[in-house]
Amino acid sequence: MPGFEQSSVYQEFLAERDEILRLKWLESEKMGEDIGFEKALMTWIRCHRDDWREARRKEERFVLMG
């Protein structure tokens, strides 16, 4: 039986976390200092999450339709 690491919910969490960490790195580079995970998370939620999730849904539908 596969562990939770194989669940689609966990995989989606990891993908979302990677995007937040990418934003944290990019914004920290722009600011010249570490902006912190919480600020990156809140910025990502406000500015990027909805579009990211919609793109993921479209990609899933495309893959499923073959």
Protein backbone atom coordinates (compact mmCIF):
# COMPACT_ATOMS: atom_id res chain seq x y z
CA MET A 1 0.00 0.00 0.00
CA PRO A 2 1.51 3.36 -1.01
CA GLY A 3 2.21 5.92 1.68
CA PHE A 4 0.84 9.42 1.86
CA GLU A 5 3.82 10.60 -0.20
CA GLN A 6 2.13 9.11 -3.25
CA SER A 7 -1.24 10.78 -2.70
CA SER A 8 -2.33 13.41 -5.18
CA VAL A 9 -3.14 15.82 -2.34
CA TYR A 10 0.40 15.56 -0.98
CA GLN A 11 1.90 15.92 -4.46
CA GLU A 12 -0.19 19.05 -5.02
CA PHE A 13 1.01 20.44 -1.68
CA LEU A 14 4.64 19.84 -2.69
CA ALA A 15 4.12 21.54 -6.06
CA GLU A 16 2.50 24.54 -4.37
CA ARG A 17 5.26 24.74 -1.77
CA ASP A 18 7.88 24.71 -4.54
CA GLU A 19 6.17 27.67 -6.20
CA ILE A 20 6.12 29.59 -2.92
CA LEU A 21 9.80 28.88 -2.34
CA ARG A 22 10.59 29.99 -5.90
CA LEU A 23 8.73 33.25 -5.30
CA LYS A 24 10.55 33.68 -1.97
CA TRP A 25 13.90 33.31 -3.70
CA LEU A 26 13.04 35.68 -6.56
CA GLU A 27 11.59 38.38 -4.30
CA SER A 28 14.46 38.04 -1.83
CA GLU A 29 16.93 38.54 -4.68
CA LYS A 30 15.06 41.68 -5.77
CA MET A 31 14.97 43.05 -2.22
CA GLY A 32 18.57 42.13 -1.47
CA GLU A 33 17.48 40.30 1.69
CA ASP A 34 15.46 37.28 2.72
CA ILE A 35 11.78 38.21 2.73
CA GLY A 36 10.85 35.14 4.77
CA PHE A 37 8.48 32.30 4.05
CA GLU A 38 5.39 33.96 5.56
CA LYS A 39 5.66 37.05 3.36
CA ALA A 40 6.31 34.90 0.30
CA LEU A 41 3.33 32.72 1.17
CA MET A 42 0.97 35.66 1.60
CA THR A 43 2.22 37.31 -1.61
CA TRP A 44 1.83 34.07 -3.53
CA ILE A 45 -1.70 33.53 -2.21
CA ARG A 46 -2.77 37.08 -3.05
CA CYS A 47 -1.06 37.42 -6.42
CA HIS A 48 -0.44 34.00 -7.95
CA ARG A 49 -2.30 31.05 -6.43
CA ASP A 50 -5.59 31.32 -8.32
CA ASP A 51 -3.86 31.57 -11.73
CA TRP A 52 -1.45 28.76 -10.82
CA ARG A 53 -4.29 26.46 -9.77
CA GLU A 54 -6.28 27.23 -12.91
CA ALA A 55 -3.24 26.45 -15.08
CA ARG A 56 -2.78 23.16 -13.21
CA ARG A 57 -6.44 22.24 -13.79
CA LYS A 58 -6.14 23.02 -17.51
CA GLU A 59 -2.97 20.95 -17.73
CA GLU A 60 -4.67 18.02 -15.98
CA ARG A 61 -7.64 18.16 -18.36
CA PHE A 62 -5.28 18.27 -21.34
CA VAL A 63 -3.33 15.23 -20.11
CA LEU A 64 -6.51 13.28 -19.34
CA MET A 65 -7.93 13.98 -22.79
CA GLY A 66 -4.71 12.77 -24.39
